[in-house]
Amino acid sequence: MSSKELVELKTVDIDGFTLDRYKVQMVADGNAKVEIPEANWQRVRESRKRVEKAINDGKVVYGVNTGFGKLSDIEINPEDNAKLQLNLLRADAVGVGEPLPIPVVRAMMTLRANSLSKGFSGIREETLQLLLDMINNDVHPVVPCKGSVGASGDLAPLSHIAICLVGEGKAEYKGEILPGGEALKCAGLKPVSLEAKEGLALINGTQAMSAVGTIALNEAERVGLAADMAACLTIEALNGIISAFDSELLAVRPHPELEFVASRMRKWLEGSKRVTRQGEIRIQDSYSIRCIPQVHGASWQAFNYVNERLSVEMNATTDNPIVLESGEILSGGHFHGQPIALSMDFLKVAAAEWANISERRTERLVNPQLSGLSPFLATDPGLECGLMVAQYAAASLVSENKVLAHPASVDSIPTSANQEDHVSMGTIASRQAREIIHNSARVIAIEMICASQAIYLENAEKELAPATRAYLEKIREICPPLEGDRAISDQMEELAQFILKDNSLIKYFKKFHKK
């Protein structure tokens, strides 16, 4: 029995109102099960009755008894309504590329279940229950990462999930990739036969872009805090001027995030004998040090905006048509990913800026003309290159981020014979955002290693602040100081992965600001 199984899993309510990014992450990581409260099941049942009433009354309803997209004017014979839904999943499961990671797939399933639980999609109880059962029994559809244009929902990615509910497609179960029906059987589950509206209800949403975006945002929080900590270590390595982070000074430009960054850094640098005051050594530091609150703070502003948009989206109904409580079933545009597309593009730029300014601080650490330290932080410069090319790697990552940061949301290619003539490309934006965040973690890891080496060469460990010294110990557990040239590629990557997963700075930050 695994350690996870030895601990009773928590349960996350899928109620359409209270889901947040932390709960989604718990389910994504396999640390929580999901369930729908009875009040929501009642809304689901009532919504289904409205769909069935519309069919029985002979009404023509988009996606229920009509074709899809440009084919919406073609009515479907009642006896073919179920086949219509199955055909939709088969036709739309056209994703390509590498499979999305299992945590992302679990997040997608959780977010889609949450949307359906609100009772505006007309899905049957047994179909929605199977989606929950797949999450709780670790049946993970194989979902290719590419193929969504981010309007009419994330049709292709969600179809690869939905098609497993009918026993088709492919799914991972206990480490093995199996046909969808076989994976269900191994987990003790049975596929469903879809009825009117259900195929469309399962796939007409923004859950691929939102799932990738939610996990990326959680990682961005860790990367942003690591950027603040890396900056502190660099300031200590270079005897930086802490006067630029004075609270009275920052108050005259009252963006709250500027002060949040500066207050964290003042706290983390408390007790340091390495920091200086204005005029003690020099009058001003370079922008990459002096403007940390302004630059990092602006990225935190973007982070907060994205957090707000995702919090709304994960508890929203993203479907078409919508089954209203009045009994009307109306077509609209709630499947369109533009709110998330713009948010993810904003997050891309914010995370890229953490890396941009970090790389410039790394340059100051390794450049003897700027730092006064040993060239490239080598112990025997000339014979040794030191960390010269580590800065090259940071520069390469920053340049790659600039390409990825081009906004995906400004592009739109019409689909469905120009019926769907504006799309969001939001899923592309989300995937790019996560890639930028991972690159930025690597750039910040390089800064941390360079700051660690500079502190080692200065024999300054005892002069550090308690908080930065404690974090330095974590860095050095992964990448000890260089006594001579050695390959540190694996250690750079290990430190970056540590940054993406480590919650210690989040806990410290929350504890500090509660005070």
Protein backbone atom coordinates (compact mmCIF):
# COMPACT_ATOMS: atom_id res chain seq x y z
CA MET A 1 0.00 0.00 0.00
CA SER A 2 1.37 3.41 -0.97
CA SER A 3 1.86 6.24 1.50
CA LYS A 4 -0.99 8.06 -0.26
CA GLU A 5 -3.33 5.12 0.39
CA LEU A 6 -2.28 4.96 4.04
CA VAL A 7 -3.57 8.50 4.54
CA GLU A 8 -7.31 8.98 4.17
CA LEU A 9 -7.89 11.11 1.10
CA LYS A 10 -9.71 14.39 1.52
CA THR A 11 -12.93 15.04 -0.35
CA VAL A 12 -13.54 18.08 -2.51
CA ASP A 13 -17.14 19.15 -3.07
CA ILE A 14 -18.00 19.68 -6.72
CA ASP A 15 -20.80 22.18 -6.20
CA GLY A 16 -20.19 24.76 -8.95
CA PHE A 17 -19.44 27.56 -6.50
CA THR A 18 -16.60 26.85 -4.09
CA LEU A 19 -13.87 25.27 -6.20
CA ASP A 20 -10.52 27.07 -6.05
CA ARG A 21 -7.05 26.50 -7.45
CA TYR A 22 -5.81 24.78 -4.32
CA LYS A 23 -8.65 22.26 -4.34
CA VAL A 24 -8.13 21.62 -8.04
CA GLN A 25 -4.44 20.98 -7.35
CA MET A 26 -5.28 18.51 -4.59
CA VAL A 27 -7.44 16.48 -6.97
CA ALA A 28 -4.92 16.87 -9.79
CA ASP A 29 -2.16 15.46 -7.60
CA GLY A 30 -4.34 12.54 -6.49
CA ASN A 31 -4.58 13.82 -2.92
CA ALA A 32 -8.37 14.22 -2.87
CA LYS A 33 -11.51 12.53 -4.12
CA VAL A 34 -14.51 14.41 -5.49
CA GLU A 35 -18.22 14.26 -4.79
CA ILE A 36 -21.30 16.26 -5.74
CA PRO A 37 -23.66 17.43 -2.97
CA GLU A 38 -27.30 16.34 -3.15
CA ALA A 39 -28.50 19.90 -3.83
CA ASN A 40 -26.47 19.87 -7.02
CA TRP A 41 -27.73 16.46 -8.03
CA GLN A 42 -31.24 17.83 -7.76
CA ARG A 43 -30.37 20.69 -10.11
CA VAL A 44 -28.80 18.20 -12.53
CA ARG A 45 -31.95 16.07 -12.53
CA GLU A 46 -34.21 19.10 -13.08
CA SER A 47 -32.01 20.31 -15.92
CA ARG A 48 -32.27 16.92 -17.59
CA LYS A 49 -36.05 17.00 -17.31
CA ARG A 50 -36.10 20.33 -19.18
CA VAL A 51 -34.12 18.81 -22.05
CA GLU A 52 -36.43 15.81 -22.26
CA LYS A 53 -39.49 18.06 -22.13
CA ALA A 54 -38.16 20.13 -25.03
CA ILE A 55 -37.65 16.95 -27.06
CA ASN A 56 -41.09 15.61 -26.19
CA ASP A 57 -42.66 18.97 -27.10
CA GLY A 58 -41.10 18.72 -30.55
CA LYS A 59 -38.87 21.76 -30.14
CA VAL A 60 -35.80 22.17 -32.32
CA VAL A 61 -32.82 22.72 -30.03
CA TYR A 62 -29.25 23.23 -31.19
CA GLY A 63 -27.05 20.21 -30.51
CA VAL A 64 -29.97 18.21 -29.18
CA ASN A 65 -31.76 17.43 -32.41
CA THR A 66 -29.71 19.45 -34.90
CA GLY A 67 -26.25 19.15 -36.39
CA PHE A 68 -23.31 21.11 -34.99
CA GLY A 69 -21.57 24.30 -36.06
CA LYS A 70 -22.32 25.13 -39.69
CA LEU A 71 -24.59 22.04 -39.74
CA SER A 72 -26.90 23.50 -37.10
CA ASP A 73 -29.73 24.04 -39.60
CA ILE A 74 -30.00 20.31 -40.28
CA GLU A 75 -32.61 18.64 -38.08
CA ILE A 76 -31.94 15.14 -36.78
CA ASN A 77 -34.53 12.38 -36.61
CA PRO A 78 -35.49 11.62 -32.98
CA GLU A 79 -34.31 8.01 -33.27
CA ASP A 80 -30.82 9.31 -34.17
CA ASN A 81 -30.38 11.71 -31.22
CA ALA A 82 -28.17 9.28 -29.28
CA LYS A 83 -26.09 8.42 -32.33
CA LEU A 84 -25.60 12.14 -32.97
CA GLN A 85 -23.89 12.54 -29.59
CA LEU A 86 -21.61 9.54 -30.08
CA ASN A 87 -20.69 10.73 -33.57
CA LEU A 88 -19.77 14.11 -32.10
CA LEU A 89 -17.23 12.59 -29.74
CA ARG A 90 -15.74 10.37 -32.42
CA ALA A 91 -15.46 13.23 -34.89
CA ASP A 92 -14.01 15.69 -32.37
CA ALA A 93 -11.38 13.44 -30.76
CA VAL A 94 -8.72 14.70 -33.17
CA GLY A 95 -6.06 15.95 -30.77
CA VAL A 96 -2.40 15.55 -31.68
CA GLY A 97 0.94 15.85 -29.94
CA GLU A 98 2.24 14.54 -26.65
CA PRO A 99 -0.38 13.53 -24.06
CA LEU A 100 -1.16 16.08 -21.38
CA PRO A 101 0.29 15.13 -17.97
CA ILE A 102 -2.04 13.12 -15.75
CA PRO A 103 -2.44 15.97 -13.19
CA VAL A 104 -3.67 18.24 -15.99
CA VAL A 105 -6.14 15.59 -17.19
CA ARG A 106 -7.46 15.12 -13.64
CA ALA A 107 -7.84 18.89 -13.33
CA MET A 108 -9.74 18.98 -16.65
CA MET A 109 -12.13 16.28 -15.48
CA THR A 110 -12.66 18.03 -12.16
CA LEU A 111 -13.36 21.40 -13.76
CA ARG A 112 -15.77 19.91 -16.31
CA ALA A 113 -17.65 18.04 -13.58
CA ASN A 114 -17.87 21.27 -11.59
CA SER A 115 -19.39 23.11 -14.54
CA LEU A 116 -21.89 20.33 -15.21
CA SER A 117 -22.87 20.16 -11.53
CA LYS A 118 -24.42 23.64 -11.74
CA GLY A 119 -27.41 22.19 -13.58
CA PHE A 120 -27.42 24.21 -16.80
CA SER A 121 -26.20 21.54 -19.23
CA GLY A 122 -28.91 18.87 -19.25
CA ILE A 123 -26.60 15.94 -18.62
CA ARG A 124 -27.97 12.78 -16.99
CA GLU A 125 -26.99 11.89 -13.45
CA GLU A 126 -25.41 8.56 -14.40
CA THR A 127 -23.18 10.16 -17.03
CA LEU A 128 -21.88 12.80 -14.66
CA GLN A 129 -21.42 10.18 -11.94
CA LEU A 130 -19.19 8.13 -14.23
CA LEU A 131 -16.97 11.17 -14.76
CA LEU A 132 -16.59 11.45 -10.99
CA ASP A 133 -15.97 7.72 -10.67
CA MET A 134 -13.18 7.92 -13.23
CA ILE A 135 -11.48 10.65 -11.17
CA ASN A 136 -11.92 8.76 -7.91
CA ASN A 137 -10.73 5.45 -9.39
CA ASP A 138 -7.73 6.89 -11.25
CA VAL A 139 -8.93 6.22 -14.79
CA HIS A 140 -7.11 8.89 -16.78
CA PRO A 141 -8.00 9.42 -20.45
CA VAL A 142 -5.08 9.98 -22.79
CA VAL A 143 -5.50 13.55 -24.03
CA PRO A 144 -3.18 14.90 -26.76
CA CYS A 145 -2.01 18.41 -25.88
CA LYS A 146 -2.68 20.10 -29.23
CA GLY A 147 -5.74 20.61 -31.41
CA SER A 148 -7.95 23.13 -29.61
CA VAL A 149 -8.65 26.61 -30.97
CA GLY A 150 -10.29 27.60 -27.69
CA ALA A 151 -13.80 28.37 -28.88
CA SER A 152 -16.81 26.10 -29.16
CA GLY A 153 -14.96 24.95 -26.09
CA ASP A 154 -11.84 22.86 -25.90
CA LEU A 155 -13.57 20.41 -28.21
CA ALA A 156 -10.68 18.12 -29.14
CA PRO A 157 -9.11 17.71 -25.68
CA LEU A 158 -12.44 17.26 -23.91
CA SER A 159 -13.58 14.77 -26.55
CA HIS A 160 -10.63 12.55 -25.67
CA ILE A 161 -11.95 12.51 -22.10
CA ALA A 162 -15.61 12.11 -23.03
CA ILE A 163 -15.03 9.26 -25.47
CA CYS A 164 -13.64 7.15 -22.63
CA LEU A 165 -17.02 7.42 -20.88
CA VAL A 166 -18.56 5.43 -23.74
CA GLY A 167 -15.76 2.85 -23.64
CA GLU A 168 -13.71 4.16 -26.56
CA GLY A 169 -10.46 6.07 -26.83
CA LYS A 170 -7.50 5.32 -24.57
CA ALA A 171 -6.89 5.74 -20.85
CA GLU A 172 -4.09 5.25 -18.35
CA TYR A 173 -4.86 2.96 -15.42
CA LYS A 174 -2.25 1.92 -12.86
CA GLY A 175 0.58 2.95 -15.16
CA GLU A 176 -0.70 1.12 -18.24
CA ILE A 177 -2.28 2.62 -21.37
CA LEU A 178 -5.42 0.65 -22.23
CA PRO A 179 -8.42 0.96 -24.54
CA GLY A 180 -11.01 3.15 -22.80
CA GLY A 181 -13.49 0.34 -22.22
CA GLU A 182 -10.83 -1.97 -20.80
CA ALA A 183 -9.56 0.75 -18.44
CA LEU A 184 -13.11 1.24 -17.13
CA LYS A 185 -13.54 -2.49 -16.67
CA CYS A 186 -10.27 -2.82 -14.76
CA ALA A 187 -11.47 -0.09 -12.39
CA GLY A 188 -14.83 -1.81 -11.90
CA LEU A 189 -16.73 0.77 -13.96
CA LYS A 190 -19.08 0.46 -16.90
CA PRO A 191 -19.36 2.79 -19.90
CA VAL A 192 -22.54 4.78 -20.52
CA SER A 193 -24.66 5.12 -23.63
CA LEU A 194 -25.12 8.80 -24.31
CA GLU A 195 -28.50 10.38 -24.88
CA ALA A 196 -29.55 13.72 -26.34
CA LYS A 197 -27.34 16.73 -25.50
CA GLU A 198 -24.86 14.73 -23.40
CA GLY A 199 -21.95 14.52 -25.82
CA LEU A 200 -22.10 18.25 -26.39
CA ALA A 201 -22.43 18.90 -22.65
CA LEU A 202 -19.25 16.95 -21.97
CA ILE A 203 -17.04 18.81 -24.47
CA ASN A 204 -18.35 22.35 -24.90
CA GLY A 205 -16.24 24.14 -22.31
CA THR A 206 -12.92 25.80 -21.50
CA GLN A 207 -11.59 23.14 -19.16
CA ALA A 208 -8.37 22.29 -21.03
CA MET A 209 -7.11 25.88 -21.02
CA SER A 210 -8.41 26.38 -17.47
CA ALA A 211 -6.80 23.18 -16.15
CA VAL A 212 -3.40 23.94 -17.64
CA GLY A 213 -3.82 27.55 -16.53
CA THR A 214 -4.72 26.64 -12.95
CA ILE A 215 -1.74 24.35 -12.50
CA ALA A 216 0.51 26.91 -14.21
CA LEU A 217 -0.76 29.64 -11.87
CA ASN A 218 0.02 27.53 -8.81
CA GLU A 219 3.53 27.00 -10.16
CA ALA A 220 3.84 30.71 -10.97
CA GLU A 221 3.12 31.57 -7.34
CA ARG A 222 6.12 29.48 -6.27
CA VAL A 223 8.30 30.89 -9.06
CA GLY A 224 7.40 34.47 -8.15
CA LEU A 225 8.29 33.95 -4.49
CA ALA A 226 11.50 32.19 -5.51
CA ALA A 227 12.32 35.22 -7.68
CA ASP A 228 11.94 37.45 -4.61
CA MET A 229 14.20 35.14 -2.58
CA ALA A 230 16.79 34.88 -5.36
CA ALA A 231 16.89 38.68 -5.49
CA CYS A 232 17.54 38.79 -1.74
CA LEU A 233 20.50 36.42 -2.09
CA THR A 234 21.90 38.47 -4.95
CA ILE A 235 21.55 41.66 -2.93
CA GLU A 236 23.53 40.08 -0.12
CA ALA A 237 26.16 38.76 -2.52
CA LEU A 238 26.62 42.24 -4.02
CA ASN A 239 26.18 44.36 -0.87
CA GLY A 240 23.00 45.80 -2.36
CA ILE A 241 21.34 48.98 -1.10
CA ILE A 242 18.21 48.18 0.89
CA SER A 243 17.18 51.84 1.11
CA ALA A 244 15.36 51.44 -2.23
CA PHE A 245 12.86 49.15 -0.46
CA ASP A 246 11.94 51.66 2.24
CA SER A 247 8.20 51.53 3.00
CA GLU A 248 7.82 55.32 3.17
CA LEU A 249 9.53 55.65 -0.20
CA LEU A 250 7.27 53.05 -1.83
CA ALA A 251 4.12 54.57 -0.32
CA VAL A 252 4.32 57.55 -2.68
CA ARG A 253 3.56 55.14 -5.56
CA PRO A 254 0.82 53.13 -3.87
CA HIS A 255 0.57 49.95 -5.93
CA PRO A 256 0.02 47.37 -3.16
CA GLU A 257 2.09 44.67 -4.85
CA LEU A 258 5.20 46.87 -4.79
CA GLU A 259 5.02 47.04 -1.01
CA PHE A 260 4.21 43.32 -0.74
CA VAL A 261 7.44 42.49 -2.58
CA ALA A 262 9.49 45.02 -0.62
CA SER A 263 8.05 43.95 2.73
CA ARG A 264 8.87 40.32 2.00
CA MET A 265 12.41 41.26 1.05
CA ARG A 266 12.87 43.49 4.09
CA LYS A 267 11.70 40.61 6.28
CA TRP A 268 13.89 38.03 4.56
CA LEU A 269 16.91 40.38 4.75
CA GLU A 270 16.30 41.26 8.40
CA GLY A 271 19.51 40.78 10.36
CA SER A 272 21.78 40.70 7.31
CA LYS A 273 25.23 42.20 7.65
CA ARG A 274 25.68 42.17 3.88
CA VAL A 275 23.12 44.79 2.87
CA THR A 276 24.05 48.45 2.75
CA ARG A 277 22.34 51.81 2.98
CA GLN A 278 22.33 54.58 0.42
CA GLY A 279 25.75 56.27 0.35
CA GLU A 280 27.63 53.69 2.42
CA ILE A 281 29.31 52.12 -0.61
CA ARG A 282 27.54 53.77 -3.53
CA ILE A 283 24.54 56.03 -4.09
CA GLN A 284 22.47 53.75 -6.34
CA ASP A 285 22.25 50.15 -7.50
CA SER A 286 21.40 49.13 -11.04
CA TYR A 287 17.77 48.85 -12.08
CA SER A 288 17.79 45.05 -11.83
CA ILE A 289 18.31 45.49 -8.07
CA ARG A 290 16.87 48.90 -7.28
CA CYS A 291 13.65 48.29 -9.23
CA ILE A 292 12.87 44.82 -7.92
CA PRO A 293 9.66 45.94 -6.13
CA GLN A 294 8.43 47.73 -9.23
CA VAL A 295 9.20 44.89 -11.67
CA HIS A 296 8.37 41.91 -9.48
CA GLY A 297 5.39 43.80 -8.09
CA ALA A 298 3.96 44.39 -11.56
CA SER A 299 4.20 40.65 -12.26
CA TRP A 300 2.33 39.99 -9.02
CA GLN A 301 -0.36 42.40 -10.20
CA ALA A 302 -0.79 40.26 -13.30
CA PHE A 303 -0.78 37.13 -11.14
CA ASN A 304 -3.62 38.51 -9.04
CA TYR A 305 -5.67 39.39 -12.12
CA VAL A 306 -5.25 35.91 -13.58
CA ASN A 307 -6.17 34.37 -10.24
CA GLU A 308 -9.43 36.36 -10.21
CA ARG A 309 -10.37 35.33 -13.76
CA LEU A 310 -9.60 31.65 -13.18
CA SER A 311 -11.54 31.67 -9.92
CA VAL A 312 -14.61 32.84 -11.83
CA GLU A 313 -14.10 30.48 -14.75
CA MET A 314 -13.66 27.32 -12.72
CA ASN A 315 -17.06 27.92 -11.10
CA ALA A 316 -18.84 28.99 -14.28
CA THR A 317 -21.06 27.18 -16.75
CA THR A 318 -19.20 27.00 -20.06
CA ASP A 319 -21.52 25.22 -22.47
CA ASN A 320 -23.88 25.77 -25.39
CA PRO A 321 -26.81 25.69 -25.46
CA ILE A 322 -27.62 26.59 -21.85
CA VAL A 323 -30.60 24.94 -20.15
CA LEU A 324 -32.08 27.80 -18.15
CA GLU A 325 -34.22 27.43 -15.03
CA SER A 326 -37.07 29.14 -16.89
CA GLY A 327 -37.20 26.12 -19.18
CA GLU A 328 -35.74 27.92 -22.17
CA ILE A 329 -32.73 26.38 -23.87
CA LEU A 330 -30.74 29.20 -25.44
CA SER A 331 -27.63 29.28 -27.58
CA GLY A 332 -24.97 31.77 -26.60
CA GLY A 333 -21.21 32.05 -26.45
CA HIS A 334 -20.26 30.78 -23.00
CA PHE A 335 -17.86 28.24 -24.54
CA HIS A 336 -15.59 31.00 -25.86
CA GLY A 337 -12.18 31.03 -24.15
CA GLN A 338 -11.30 34.70 -24.55
CA PRO A 339 -11.35 35.58 -20.81
CA ILE A 340 -8.83 32.83 -20.13
CA ALA A 341 -6.86 33.41 -23.33
CA LEU A 342 -6.18 37.03 -22.40
CA SER A 343 -5.41 36.05 -18.81
CA MET A 344 -2.92 33.41 -19.85
CA ASP A 345 -1.21 35.81 -22.24
CA PHE A 346 -0.91 38.25 -19.33
CA LEU A 347 0.58 35.51 -17.14
CA LYS A 348 3.07 34.68 -19.89
CA VAL A 349 4.43 38.24 -19.87
CA ALA A 350 4.46 38.42 -16.06
CA ALA A 351 6.42 35.20 -15.64
CA ALA A 352 8.78 36.13 -18.47
CA GLU A 353 9.61 39.36 -16.63
CA TRP A 354 10.61 37.50 -13.48
CA ALA A 355 13.12 35.68 -15.67
CA ASN A 356 14.19 38.79 -17.63
CA ILE A 357 15.30 40.72 -14.57
CA SER A 358 16.72 37.60 -12.89
CA GLU A 359 19.06 37.00 -15.82
CA ARG A 360 20.29 40.60 -15.56
CA ARG A 361 21.11 40.06 -11.88
CA THR A 362 22.96 36.89 -12.84
CA GLU A 363 25.01 38.92 -15.31
CA ARG A 364 25.96 41.33 -12.53
CA LEU A 365 27.08 38.41 -10.37
CA VAL A 366 29.33 36.78 -12.98
CA ASN A 367 30.70 39.94 -14.66
CA PRO A 368 33.78 41.14 -12.74
CA GLN A 369 33.45 44.63 -14.18
CA LEU A 370 30.08 44.95 -12.47
CA SER A 371 30.52 42.86 -9.32
CA GLY A 372 34.15 43.22 -8.30
CA LEU A 373 34.07 39.47 -7.67
CA SER A 374 36.20 36.73 -9.24
CA PRO A 375 35.49 36.59 -12.99
CA PHE A 376 32.51 34.33 -13.62
CA LEU A 377 32.74 33.29 -9.97
CA ALA A 378 35.54 30.85 -10.78
CA THR A 379 37.96 29.75 -8.06
CA ASP A 380 40.85 29.85 -10.56
CA PRO A 381 39.72 32.11 -13.43
CA GLY A 382 41.36 31.44 -16.76
CA LEU A 383 42.06 27.83 -16.02
CA GLU A 384 38.42 27.59 -15.03
CA CYS A 385 35.35 29.10 -16.75
CA GLY A 386 33.28 29.08 -13.59
CA LEU A 387 29.65 30.00 -14.18
CA MET A 388 30.27 31.87 -17.43
CA VAL A 389 28.08 29.59 -19.54
CA ALA A 390 25.41 29.21 -16.88
CA GLN A 391 24.60 32.82 -17.70
CA TYR A 392 24.46 31.85 -21.38
CA ALA A 393 21.84 29.24 -20.51
CA ALA A 394 19.82 31.86 -18.65
CA ALA A 395 20.07 34.21 -21.65
CA SER A 396 18.87 31.43 -23.97
CA LEU A 397 15.86 30.68 -21.77
CA VAL A 398 14.95 34.36 -21.52
CA SER A 399 15.14 34.71 -25.30
CA GLU A 400 12.94 31.65 -25.77
CA ASN A 401 10.42 33.13 -23.34
CA LYS A 402 10.21 36.27 -25.45
CA VAL A 403 9.10 34.19 -28.43
CA LEU A 404 6.58 32.22 -26.34
CA ALA A 405 5.24 35.43 -24.78
CA HIS A 406 3.81 36.63 -28.09
CA PRO A 407 0.07 36.72 -27.36
CA ALA A 408 -1.81 33.71 -28.67
CA SER A 409 -5.12 35.50 -28.14
CA VAL A 410 -4.52 38.04 -30.92
CA ASP A 411 -4.73 35.25 -33.47
CA SER A 412 -7.98 33.81 -34.79
CA ILE A 413 -8.56 31.39 -37.64
CA PRO A 414 -12.23 30.85 -38.54
CA THR A 415 -13.57 27.30 -38.27
CA SER A 416 -16.72 25.37 -39.19
CA ALA A 417 -17.14 27.00 -42.60
CA ASN A 418 -16.90 30.47 -41.03
CA GLN A 419 -19.78 29.85 -38.60
CA GLU A 420 -17.22 29.98 -35.82
CA ASP A 421 -15.42 33.01 -37.18
CA HIS A 422 -13.58 34.17 -34.05
CA VAL A 423 -11.72 31.83 -31.74
CA SER A 424 -9.52 32.46 -28.69
CA MET A 425 -6.49 30.16 -29.03
CA GLY A 426 -6.64 30.12 -25.23
CA THR A 427 -5.34 26.59 -24.84
CA ILE A 428 -2.22 27.53 -26.76
CA ALA A 429 -1.79 30.52 -24.42
CA SER A 430 -2.13 28.27 -21.37
CA ARG A 431 0.42 25.76 -22.61
CA GLN A 432 2.84 28.55 -23.48
CA ALA A 433 2.33 30.14 -20.08
CA ARG A 434 3.30 26.93 -18.33
CA GLU A 435 6.36 26.53 -20.54
CA ILE A 436 7.45 30.09 -19.76
CA ILE A 437 6.93 29.48 -16.04
CA HIS A 438 9.11 26.37 -16.19
CA ASN A 439 11.79 28.27 -18.14
CA SER A 440 11.62 31.08 -15.60
CA ALA A 441 12.14 28.61 -12.76
CA ARG A 442 15.32 27.50 -14.51
CA VAL A 443 16.55 31.09 -14.91
CA ILE A 444 15.89 31.80 -11.23
CA ALA A 445 17.65 28.57 -10.25
CA ILE A 446 20.71 29.81 -12.16
CA GLU A 447 20.61 33.12 -10.30
CA MET A 448 20.40 31.27 -6.99
CA ILE A 449 23.39 29.09 -7.88
CA CYS A 450 25.42 32.15 -8.90
CA ALA A 451 24.47 34.03 -5.74
CA SER A 452 25.38 30.96 -3.69
CA GLN A 453 28.78 30.78 -5.38
CA ALA A 454 29.42 34.50 -4.86
CA ILE A 455 28.58 34.18 -1.16
CA TYR A 456 30.91 31.17 -0.94
CA LEU A 457 33.80 33.06 -2.57
CA GLU A 458 33.23 35.95 -0.17
CA ASN A 459 33.07 33.55 2.80
CA ALA A 460 29.97 35.49 3.78
CA GLU A 461 27.58 32.78 4.96
CA LYS A 462 27.68 33.92 8.59
CA GLU A 463 26.81 37.47 7.55
CA LEU A 464 23.55 36.51 5.84
CA ALA A 465 20.10 37.11 7.26
CA PRO A 466 18.63 34.04 9.03
CA ALA A 467 15.90 33.62 6.38
CA THR A 468 18.22 33.78 3.38
CA ARG A 469 20.81 31.58 5.09
CA ALA A 470 18.15 28.91 5.67
CA TYR A 471 17.14 29.01 2.00
CA LEU A 472 20.78 28.96 0.91
CA GLU A 473 21.15 25.64 2.72
CA LYS A 474 18.36 24.19 0.55
CA ILE A 475 20.10 25.44 -2.59
CA ARG A 476 23.37 23.89 -1.54
CA GLU A 477 21.76 20.55 -0.76
CA ILE A 478 21.02 20.42 -4.47
CA CYS A 479 24.02 22.32 -5.86
CA PRO A 480 27.03 22.68 -3.53
CA PRO A 481 29.53 25.49 -4.21
CA LEU A 482 31.98 24.93 -7.03
CA GLU A 483 35.53 24.14 -5.93
CA GLY A 484 36.44 23.94 -9.61
CA ASP A 485 34.66 23.50 -12.91
CA ARG A 486 32.11 20.72 -12.94
CA ALA A 487 28.97 19.92 -14.91
CA ILE A 488 25.94 21.32 -13.08
CA SER A 489 23.21 20.86 -15.71
CA ASP A 490 21.39 18.21 -13.69
CA GLN A 491 21.64 20.30 -10.53
CA MET A 492 20.27 23.37 -12.29
CA GLU A 493 17.27 21.36 -13.46
CA GLU A 494 16.78 19.75 -10.05
CA LEU A 495 16.76 23.16 -8.38
CA ALA A 496 14.26 24.44 -10.95
CA GLN A 497 11.96 21.49 -10.25
CA PHE A 498 12.34 22.15 -6.53
CA ILE A 499 11.25 25.75 -7.09
CA LEU A 500 8.17 24.62 -9.04
CA LYS A 501 7.06 22.28 -6.25
CA ASP A 502 8.35 23.85 -3.02
CA ASN A 503 5.69 25.37 -0.76
CA SER A 504 7.99 26.63 1.99
CA LEU A 505 8.05 30.23 0.73
CA ILE A 506 4.26 30.24 0.33
CA LYS A 507 3.86 29.14 3.95
CA TYR A 508 6.41 31.70 5.12
CA PHE A 509 4.72 34.43 3.10
CA LYS A 510 1.24 33.64 4.49
CA LYS A 511 2.53 33.47 8.05
CA PHE A 512 4.39 36.75 7.68
CA HIS A 513 1.46 38.68 6.23
CA LYS A 514 -0.96 37.34 8.86
CA LYS A 515 1.20 39.14 11.39
